[in-house]
PDB file of N, CA and C in Angstrom:
ATOM      1  N   GLY A   1      -3.025   3.311   9.384  1.00  0.00           N
ATOM      2  CA  GLY A   1      -2.134   4.074   8.716  1.00  0.00           C
ATOM      3  C   GLY A   1      -1.263   4.541   7.833  1.00  0.00           C
ATOM      4  N   VAL A   2       0.104   4.460   7.335  1.00  0.00           N
ATOM      5  CA  VAL A   2       0.541   5.536   6.830  1.00  0.00           C
ATOM      6  C   VAL A   2       0.396   5.754   5.310  1.00  0.00           C
ATOM      7  N   GLY A   3      -0.169   7.117   5.051  1.00  0.00           N
ATOM      8  CA  GLY A   3      -0.110   7.435   3.254  1.00  0.00           C
ATOM      9  C   GLY A   3      -1.161   9.102   3.484  1.00  0.00           C
ATOM     10  N   ASP A   4      -1.746   8.664   2.615  1.00  0.00           N
ATOM     11  CA  ASP A   4      -1.844   8.499   1.771  1.00  0.00           C
ATOM     12  C   ASP A   4      -1.024   8.713   0.342  1.00  0.00           C
ATOM     13  N   VAL A   5      -0.019   6.639   0.414  1.00  0.00           N
ATOM     14  CA  VAL A   5       1.144   6.628  -0.475  1.00  0.00           C
ATOM     15  C   VAL A   5       0.877   6.941  -1.733  1.00  0.00           C
ATOM     16  N   TYR A   6       0.682   6.438  -2.182  1.00  0.00           N
ATOM     17  CA  TYR A   6      -0.327   6.970  -4.463  1.00  0.00           C
ATOM     18  C   TYR A   6      -0.695   7.738  -4.906  1.00  0.00           C
ATOM     19  N   GLY A   7      -2.260   8.360  -3.785  1.00  0.00           N
ATOM     20  CA  GLY A   7      -3.550   9.124  -3.714  1.00  0.00           C
ATOM     21  C   GLY A   7      -4.759   8.189  -4.112  1.00  0.00           C
ATOM     22  N   THR A   8      -5.510   8.973  -4.014  1.00  0.00           N
ATOM     23  CA  THR A   8      -6.787   7.534  -3.505  1.00  0.00           C
ATOM     24  C   THR A   8      -7.674   8.220  -4.437  1.00  0.00           C
ATOM     25  N   PRO A   9      -9.255   7.116  -4.636  1.00  0.00           N
ATOM     26  CA  PRO A   9     -10.246   7.846  -5.453  1.00  0.00           C
ATOM     27  C   PRO A   9     -11.051   7.977  -4.001  1.00  0.00           C
ATOM     28  N   SER A  10     -10.891   7.471  -2.868  1.00  0.00           N
ATOM     29  CA  SER A  10     -11.630   6.998  -1.940  1.00  0.00           C
ATOM     30  C   SER A  10     -11.283   8.504  -1.115  1.00  0.00           C
ATOM     31  N   LYS A  11     -10.643   8.786  -1.031  1.00  0.00           N
ATOM     32  CA  LYS A  11      -9.981   9.958  -0.116  1.00  0.00           C
ATOM     33  C   LYS A  11      -9.433  11.453  -0.996  1.00  0.00           C
ATOM     34  N   PRO A  12     -10.507  11.560  -1.919  1.00  0.00           N
ATOM     35  CA  PRO A  12     -10.213  12.863  -3.119  1.00  0.00           C
ATOM     36  C   PRO A  12      -9.731  13.760  -1.835  1.00  0.00           C
ATOM     37  N   ASP A  13      -9.637  14.351  -0.571  1.00  0.00           N
ATOM     38  CA  ASP A  13      -9.263  15.158  -0.082  1.00  0.00           C
ATOM     39  C   ASP A  13      -7.906  15.450   0.887  1.00  0.00           C
ATOM     40  N   ALA A  14      -7.372  13.748   0.465  1.00  0.00           N
ATOM     41  CA  ALA A  14      -6.557  13.727   1.718  1.00  0.00           C
ATOM     42  C   ALA A  14      -5.314  14.240   1.152  1.00  0.00           C
ATOM     43  N   GLY A  15      -4.775  15.662   0.482  1.00  0.00           N
ATOM     44  CA  GLY A  15      -4.143  16.256   0.297  1.00  0.00           C
ATOM     45  C   GLY A  15      -2.906  15.259  -0.456  1.00  0.00           C
ATOM     46  N   GLU A  16      -1.179  16.048  -0.290  1.00  0.00           N
ATOM     47  CA  GLU A  16      -0.645  15.586  -1.758  1.00  0.00           C
ATOM     48  C   GLU A  16      -0.221  14.422  -1.622  1.00  0.00           C
ATOM     49  N   PRO A  17      -0.260  12.909  -1.943  1.00  0.00           N
ATOM     50  CA  PRO A  17       0.484  11.845  -1.923  1.00  0.00           C
ATOM     51  C   PRO A  17       2.222  11.740  -1.458  1.00  0.00           C
ATOM     52  N   ILE A  18       2.417  10.701   0.010  1.00  0.00           N
ATOM     53  CA  ILE A  18       4.249  11.337   0.093  1.00  0.00           C
ATOM     54  C   ILE A  18       4.648  10.617  -0.429  1.00  0.00           C
ATOM     55  N   GLY A  19       4.289   9.478  -1.757  1.00  0.00           N
ATOM     56  CA  GLY A  19       4.670   8.504  -2.102  1.00  0.00           C
ATOM     57  C   GLY A  19       5.808   7.701  -0.902  1.00  0.00           C
ATOM     58  N   VAL A  20       6.501   6.663  -2.254  1.00  0.00           N
ATOM     59  CA  VAL A  20       7.225   5.479  -1.801  1.00  0.00           C
ATOM     60  C   VAL A  20       8.457   6.220  -0.869  1.00  0.00           C
ATOM     61  N   GLU A  21       9.066   7.688  -1.132  1.00  0.00           N
ATOM     62  CA  GLU A  21      10.098   7.395  -0.740  1.00  0.00           C
ATOM     63  C   GLU A  21       9.605   8.651   0.576  1.00  0.00           C
ATOM     64  N   GLY A  22       8.380   9.020   1.154  1.00  0.00           N
ATOM     65  CA  GLY A  22       7.983   9.217   1.820  1.00  0.00           C
ATOM     66  C   GLY A  22       7.676   8.426   3.170  1.00  0.00           C
ATOM     67  N   LEU A  23       6.974   7.106   2.529  1.00  0.00           N
ATOM     68  CA  LEU A  23       6.976   6.610   3.335  1.00  0.00           C
ATOM     69  C   LEU A  23       7.848   5.525   3.213  1.00  0.00           C
ATOM     70  N   ALA A  24       8.916   5.066   3.104  1.00  0.00           N
ATOM     71  CA  ALA A  24      10.343   4.547   3.707  1.00  0.00           C
ATOM     72  C   ALA A  24      10.650   5.413   4.537  1.00  0.00           C
ATOM     73  N   GLU A  25      10.483   7.141   4.608  1.00  0.00           N
ATOM     74  CA  GLU A  25      11.222   7.945   5.339  1.00  0.00           C
ATOM     75  C   GLU A  25      10.510   7.952   6.785  1.00  0.00           C
ATOM     76  N   ILE A  26       9.408   7.409   6.882  1.00  0.00           N
ATOM     77  CA  ILE A  26       8.208   7.198   8.167  1.00  0.00           C
ATOM     78  C   ILE A  26       8.849   5.934   8.735  1.00  0.00           C
ATOM     79  N   ALA A  27       8.636   4.917   7.735  1.00  0.00           N
ATOM     80  CA  ALA A  27       9.017   3.903   8.228  1.00  0.00           C
ATOM     81  C   ALA A  27      10.468   3.657   8.791  1.00  0.00           C
ATOM     82  N   ARG A  28      11.700   4.456   8.429  1.00  0.00           N
ATOM     83  CA  ARG A  28      12.398   4.321   8.859  1.00  0.00           C
ATOM     84  C   ARG A  28      12.897   4.764  10.601  1.00  0.00           C
ATOM     85  N   ALA A  29      11.188   6.026  11.060  1.00  0.00           N
ATOM     86  CA  ALA A  29      11.425   7.294  11.802  1.00  0.00           C
ATOM     87  C   ALA A  29      10.897   6.630  13.086  1.00  0.00           C
ATOM     88  N   VAL A  30       9.994   5.367  13.169  1.00  0.00           N
ATOM     89  CA  VAL A  30       9.256   4.708  14.274  1.00  0.00           C
ATOM     90  C   VAL A  30       9.750   3.066  14.782  1.00  0.00           C
ATOM     91  N   SER A  31       9.365   3.023  15.512  1.00  0.00           N
ATOM     92  CA  SER A  31       9.381   1.909  15.889  1.00  0.00           C
ATOM     93  C   SER A  31       8.359   1.006  16.161  1.00  0.00           C
ATOM     94  N   ILE A  32       7.547   1.066  15.356  1.00  0.00           N
ATOM     95  CA  ILE A  32       6.287   0.274  15.291  1.00  0.00           C
ATOM     96  C   ILE A  32       6.116   0.147  14.080  1.00  0.00           C
ATOM     97  N   PRO A  33       5.274  -1.162  13.324  1.00  0.00           N
ATOM     98  CA  PRO A  33       4.784  -1.451  12.413  1.00  0.00           C
ATOM     99  C   PRO A  33       4.438  -0.017  11.139  1.00  0.00           C
ATOM    100  N   VAL A  34       4.494  -0.422  10.515  1.00  0.00           N
ATOM    101  CA  VAL A  34       3.917   1.166   9.544  1.00  0.00           C
ATOM    102  C   VAL A  34       2.704   0.283   8.211  1.00  0.00           C
ATOM    103  N   VAL A  35       1.920   0.548   8.462  1.00  0.00           N
ATOM    104  CA  VAL A  35       0.232  -0.082   7.156  1.00  0.00           C
ATOM    105  C   VAL A  35       0.564   0.832   5.904  1.00  0.00           C
ATOM    106  N   ALA A  36       1.047   0.885   4.585  1.00  0.00           N
ATOM    107  CA  ALA A  36       0.739   1.713   3.580  1.00  0.00           C
ATOM    108  C   ALA A  36      -0.966   1.493   3.038  1.00  0.00           C
ATOM    109  N   ILE A  37      -1.603   2.870   3.090  1.00  0.00           N
ATOM    110  CA  ILE A  37      -2.978   3.093   2.495  1.00  0.00           C
ATOM    111  C   ILE A  37      -2.601   4.478   1.483  1.00  0.00           C
ATOM    112  N   GLY A  38      -3.490   3.793   0.747  1.00  0.00           N
ATOM    113  CA  GLY A  38      -3.564   4.891  -0.572  1.00  0.00           C
ATOM    114  C   GLY A  38      -3.305   4.602  -1.621  1.00  0.00           C
ATOM    115  N   GLY A  39      -4.078   4.349  -2.363  1.00  0.00           N
ATOM    116  CA  GLY A  39      -3.759   3.868  -3.833  1.00  0.00           C
ATOM    117  C   GLY A  39      -3.119   2.732  -3.948  1.00  0.00           C
ATOM    118  N   ILE A  40      -3.162   1.976  -2.919  1.00  0.00           N
ATOM    119  CA  ILE A  40      -2.386   0.696  -3.263  1.00  0.00           C
ATOM    120  C   ILE A  40      -2.824  -0.370  -3.965  1.00  0.00           C
ATOM    121  N   ARG A  41      -2.653  -0.983  -4.915  1.00  0.00           N
ATOM    122  CA  ARG A  41      -2.728  -1.732  -5.885  1.00  0.00           C
ATOM    123  C   ARG A  41      -1.518  -2.733  -5.900  1.00  0.00           C
ATOM    124  N   PRO A  42      -2.240  -4.108  -6.762  1.00  0.00           N
ATOM    125  CA  PRO A  42      -1.699  -5.119  -6.948  1.00  0.00           C
ATOM    126  C   PRO A  42      -0.275  -4.605  -7.614  1.00  0.00           C
ATOM    127  N   ASP A  43      -0.262  -3.838  -8.460  1.00  0.00           N
ATOM    128  CA  ASP A  43       1.629  -3.545  -9.122  1.00  0.00           C
ATOM    129  C   ASP A  43       2.281  -2.118  -8.482  1.00  0.00           C
ATOM    130  N   ASN A  44       1.766  -2.202  -7.115  1.00  0.00           N
ATOM    131  CA  ASN A  44       2.521  -1.287  -6.730  1.00  0.00           C
ATOM    132  C   ASN A  44       2.798  -1.470  -4.911  1.00  0.00           C
ATOM    133  N   ALA A  45       1.604  -2.523  -4.606  1.00  0.00           N
ATOM    134  CA  ALA A  45       1.951  -2.973  -3.255  1.00  0.00           C
ATOM    135  C   ALA A  45       3.224  -3.964  -2.885  1.00  0.00           C
ATOM    136  N   ALA A  46       3.853  -3.947  -3.555  1.00  0.00           N
ATOM    137  CA  ALA A  46       5.331  -4.940  -3.638  1.00  0.00           C
ATOM    138  C   ALA A  46       6.449  -3.322  -2.876  1.00  0.00           C
ATOM    139  N   ALA A  47       6.450  -2.554  -3.833  1.00  0.00           N
ATOM    140  CA  ALA A  47       7.295  -1.622  -3.714  1.00  0.00           C
ATOM    141  C   ALA A  47       6.500  -0.717  -2.679  1.00  0.00           C
ATOM    142  N   ALA A  48       5.515  -0.639  -1.264  1.00  0.00           N
ATOM    143  CA  ALA A  48       5.286  -0.340  -0.567  1.00  0.00           C
ATOM    144  C   ALA A  48       6.076  -1.670   0.375  1.00  0.00           C
ATOM    145  N   ILE A  49       5.791  -2.380   0.755  1.00  0.00           N
ATOM    146  CA  ILE A  49       6.296  -3.597   1.525  1.00  0.00           C
ATOM    147  C   ILE A  49       8.229  -3.236   1.572  1.00  0.00           C
ATOM    148  N   ARG A  50       8.713  -3.457   0.324  1.00  0.00           N
ATOM    149  CA  ARG A  50       9.843  -2.776   0.216  1.00  0.00           C
ATOM    150  C   ARG A  50      10.612  -1.367   0.913  1.00  0.00           C
ATOM    151  N   ALA A  51       9.667  -0.199   0.929  1.00  0.00           N
ATOM    152  CA  ALA A  51       9.873   0.716   1.481  1.00  0.00           C
ATOM    153  C   ALA A  51       9.679   1.003   2.821  1.00  0.00           C
ATOM    154  N   GLY A  52       9.591  -0.583   3.261  1.00  0.00           N
ATOM    155  CA  GLY A  52       8.940  -0.598   4.749  1.00  0.00           C
ATOM    156  C   GLY A  52       8.360  -0.547   5.502  1.00  0.00           C
ATOM    157  N   ALA A  53       7.253  -0.938   4.908  1.00  0.00           N
ATOM    158  CA  ALA A  53       5.504  -0.790   5.210  1.00  0.00           C
ATOM    159  C   ALA A  53       5.642  -2.255   5.862  1.00  0.00           C
ATOM    160  N   SER A  54       4.975  -2.817   7.196  1.00  0.00           N
ATOM    161  CA  SER A  54       4.910  -3.993   7.579  1.00  0.00           C
ATOM    162  C   SER A  54       3.909  -4.846   6.301  1.00  0.00           C
ATOM    163  N   GLY A  55       2.603  -3.992   5.955  1.00  0.00           N
ATOM    164  CA  GLY A  55       1.250  -4.746   5.318  1.00  0.00           C
ATOM    165  C   GLY A  55       1.116  -3.264   4.862  1.00  0.00           C
ATOM    166  N   VAL A  56      -0.051  -3.616   3.908  1.00  0.00           N
ATOM    167  CA  VAL A  56      -0.964  -2.765   3.363  1.00  0.00           C
ATOM    168  C   VAL A  56      -2.546  -2.407   3.579  1.00  0.00           C
ATOM    169  N   ALA A  57      -3.497  -1.263   3.607  1.00  0.00           N
ATOM    170  CA  ALA A  57      -4.610  -1.902   3.198  1.00  0.00           C
ATOM    171  C   ALA A  57      -5.181  -0.974   2.233  1.00  0.00           C
ATOM    172  N   VAL A  58      -6.216  -1.381   1.813  1.00  0.00           N
ATOM    173  CA  VAL A  58      -7.124  -1.589   0.614  1.00  0.00           C
ATOM    174  C   VAL A  58      -8.687  -0.933   0.701  1.00  0.00           C
ATOM    175  N   ILE A  59      -8.742  -0.106  -0.744  1.00  0.00           N
ATOM    176  CA  ILE A  59     -10.299   0.136  -0.695  1.00  0.00           C
ATOM    177  C   ILE A  59     -10.764  -0.379  -1.620  1.00  0.00           C
ATOM    178  N   SER A  60     -10.390   0.759  -2.892  1.00  0.00           N
ATOM    179  CA  SER A  60     -10.811   1.017  -4.090  1.00  0.00           C
ATOM    180  C   SER A  60     -10.143  -0.515  -4.784  1.00  0.00           C
ATOM    181  N   ALA A  61      -8.839  -0.783  -4.252  1.00  0.00           N
ATOM    182  CA  ALA A  61      -8.368  -1.786  -5.039  1.00  0.00           C
ATOM    183  C   ALA A  61      -9.124  -3.517  -5.447  1.00  0.00           C
ATOM    184  N   VAL A  62      -9.890  -3.515  -4.363  1.00  0.00           N
ATOM    185  CA  VAL A  62     -10.683  -4.678  -3.790  1.00  0.00           C
ATOM    186  C   VAL A  62     -12.530  -3.935  -4.812  1.00  0.00           C
ATOM    187  N   VAL A  63     -12.691  -3.585  -3.130  1.00  0.00           N
ATOM    188  CA  VAL A  63     -14.083  -3.109  -3.566  1.00  0.00           C
ATOM    189  C   VAL A  63     -14.218  -2.783  -5.445  1.00  0.00           C
ATOM    190  N   GLY A  64     -13.376  -1.791  -5.602  1.00  0.00           N
ATOM    191  CA  GLY A  64     -14.478  -1.445  -6.839  1.00  0.00           C
ATOM    192  C   GLY A  64     -13.484  -2.479  -7.738  1.00  0.00           C
ATOM    193  N   ALA A  65     -13.030  -3.470  -7.803  1.00  0.00           N
ATOM    194  CA  ALA A  65     -11.991  -4.108  -8.564  1.00  0.00           C
ATOM    195  C   ALA A  65     -13.744  -4.915  -9.689  1.00  0.00           C
ATOM    196  N   PRO A  66     -13.638  -5.561 -11.015  1.00  0.00           N
ATOM    197  CA  PRO A  66     -14.681  -6.536 -12.001  1.00  0.00           C
ATOM    198  C   PRO A  66     -14.706  -8.156 -10.612  1.00  0.00           C
ATOM    199  N   ASP A  67     -13.914  -8.262 -10.069  1.00  0.00           N
ATOM    200  CA  ASP A  67     -13.832  -9.363  -9.514  1.00  0.00           C
ATOM    201  C   ASP A  67     -12.514  -8.978  -7.803  1.00  0.00           C
ATOM    202  N   PRO A  68     -13.376  -8.480  -7.588  1.00  0.00           N
ATOM    203  CA  PRO A  68     -13.043  -8.278  -5.778  1.00  0.00           C
ATOM    204  C   PRO A  68     -11.622  -9.622  -5.226  1.00  0.00           C
ATOM    205  N   GLU A  69     -12.628 -11.023  -5.526  1.00  0.00           N
ATOM    206  CA  GLU A  69     -11.769 -11.656  -4.708  1.00  0.00           C
ATOM    207  C   GLU A  69     -10.542 -12.285  -5.426  1.00  0.00           C
ATOM    208  N   ALA A  70     -10.392 -11.597  -7.102  1.00  0.00           N
ATOM    209  CA  ALA A  70      -8.980 -12.364  -7.412  1.00  0.00           C
ATOM    210  C   ALA A  70      -8.153 -10.913  -7.097  1.00  0.00           C
ATOM    211  N   ALA A  71      -8.685  -9.862  -7.327  1.00  0.00           N
ATOM    212  CA  ALA A  71      -7.787  -8.362  -6.308  1.00  0.00           C
ATOM    213  C   ALA A  71      -7.110  -8.733  -5.314  1.00  0.00           C
ATOM    214  N   ALA A  72      -8.114  -9.408  -4.605  1.00  0.00           N
ATOM    215  CA  ALA A  72      -7.318  -9.278  -3.453  1.00  0.00           C
ATOM    216  C   ALA A  72      -6.456 -10.728  -3.124  1.00  0.00           C
ATOM    217  N   ARG A  73      -6.864 -11.929  -4.016  1.00  0.00           N
ATOM    218  CA  ARG A  73      -5.385 -12.829  -4.140  1.00  0.00           C
ATOM    219  C   ARG A  73      -4.566 -11.698  -4.938  1.00  0.00           C
ATOM    220  N   ARG A  74      -4.196 -11.351  -5.303  1.00  0.00           N
ATOM    221  CA  ARG A  74      -2.968 -10.458  -6.453  1.00  0.00           C
ATOM    222  C   ARG A  74      -2.338  -9.879  -5.374  1.00  0.00           C
ATOM    223  N   LEU A  75      -3.030  -9.011  -4.800  1.00  0.00           N
ATOM    224  CA  LEU A  75      -2.694  -7.893  -3.694  1.00  0.00           C
ATOM    225  C   LEU A  75      -2.029  -8.852  -2.442  1.00  0.00           C
ATOM    226  N   ARG A  76      -2.859 -10.048  -2.225  1.00  0.00           N
ATOM    227  CA  ARG A  76      -1.956 -11.023  -1.014  1.00  0.00           C
ATOM    228  C   ARG A  76      -0.822 -11.822  -1.314  1.00  0.00           C
ATOM    229  N   GLU A  77      -0.588 -11.726  -2.869  1.00  0.00           N
ATOM    230  CA  GLU A  77       0.726 -12.502  -3.689  1.00  0.00           C
ATOM    231  C   GLU A  77       1.164 -11.496  -3.202  1.00  0.00           C
ATOM    232  N   ALA A  78       1.212 -10.597  -4.132  1.00  0.00           N
ATOM    233  CA  ALA A  78       2.440  -9.147  -4.487  1.00  0.00           C
ATOM    234  C   ALA A  78       3.341  -9.106  -2.870  1.00  0.00           C
ATOM    235  N   VAL A  79       2.276  -9.016  -1.697  1.00  0.00           N
ATOM    236  CA  VAL A  79       2.934  -8.420  -0.649  1.00  0.00           C
ATOM    237  C   VAL A  79       3.348  -9.557  -0.370  1.00  0.00           C
ATOM    238  N   GLU A  80       3.140 -10.659  -0.074  1.00  0.00           N
ATOM    239  CA  GLU A  80       3.890 -11.963   0.157  1.00  0.00           C
ATOM    240  C   GLU A  80       5.075 -12.185  -0.469  1.00  0.00           C
ATOM    241  N   ARG A  81       5.338 -12.295  -1.834  1.00  0.00           N
ATOM    242  CA  ARG A  81       6.607 -12.154  -2.976  1.00  0.00           C
ATOM    243  C   ARG A  81       7.571 -11.106  -2.570  1.00  0.00           C
ATOM    244  N   ALA A  82       6.725  -9.767  -2.165  1.00  0.00           N
ATOM    245  CA  ALA A  82       7.431  -8.578  -1.145  1.00  0.00           C
ATOM    246  C   ALA A  82       8.679  -9.140   0.048  1.00  0.00           C
ATOM    247  N   THR A  83       7.490  -9.808   0.625  1.00  0.00           N
ATOM    248  CA  THR A  83       8.045 -10.156   1.768  1.00  0.00           C
ATOM    249  C   THR A  83       9.382 -11.104   1.483  1.00  0.00           C
ATOM    250  N   ARG A  84       8.771 -12.332   1.083  1.00  0.00           N
ATOM    251  CA  ARG A  84      10.181 -13.309   1.138  1.00  0.00           C
ATOM    252  C   ARG A  84      11.079 -12.533   0.095  1.00  0.00           C
ATOM    253  N   ASN A  85      11.079 -12.082  -1.023  1.00  0.00           N
ATOM    254  CA  ASN A  85      12.195 -11.300  -1.509  1.00  0.00           C
ATOM    255  C   ASN A  85      12.622  -9.781  -1.461  1.00  0.00           C
ATOM    256  N   PRO A  86      12.828  -9.327  -0.805  1.00  0.00           N
ATOM    257  CA  PRO A  86      12.709  -7.431  -0.670  1.00  0.00           C
ATOM    258  C   PRO A  86      13.554  -6.847  -1.439  1.00  0.00           C
TER     259      PRO A  86
END
C-alpha cells in the first residue's frame, strides 16, 4: 500500500500524509499496481483512484462506521464509479 494518503486515526505515528499529489507521483513512477491507504473514506476514495491508485485499503472507514456494511458498499461504489469515469 502507498500512504498514508490523507492521515488516519489507526496509525497516528505514520508521519505527514502524502496527499493525492504524492500518491499520483508514486503511481506514475512505478510499474506495479498501487493501493492507496491511510484516511481513505467514501468521499475521497474516488480521488485516490483518479490519482492513479488501482485500489484502496481501509480500516477505520469500515470498522469505525456505525453501519460497516453500508460503509463498505459506499466505498465499493465510489471506487467503481471512479474506475468507470476517470
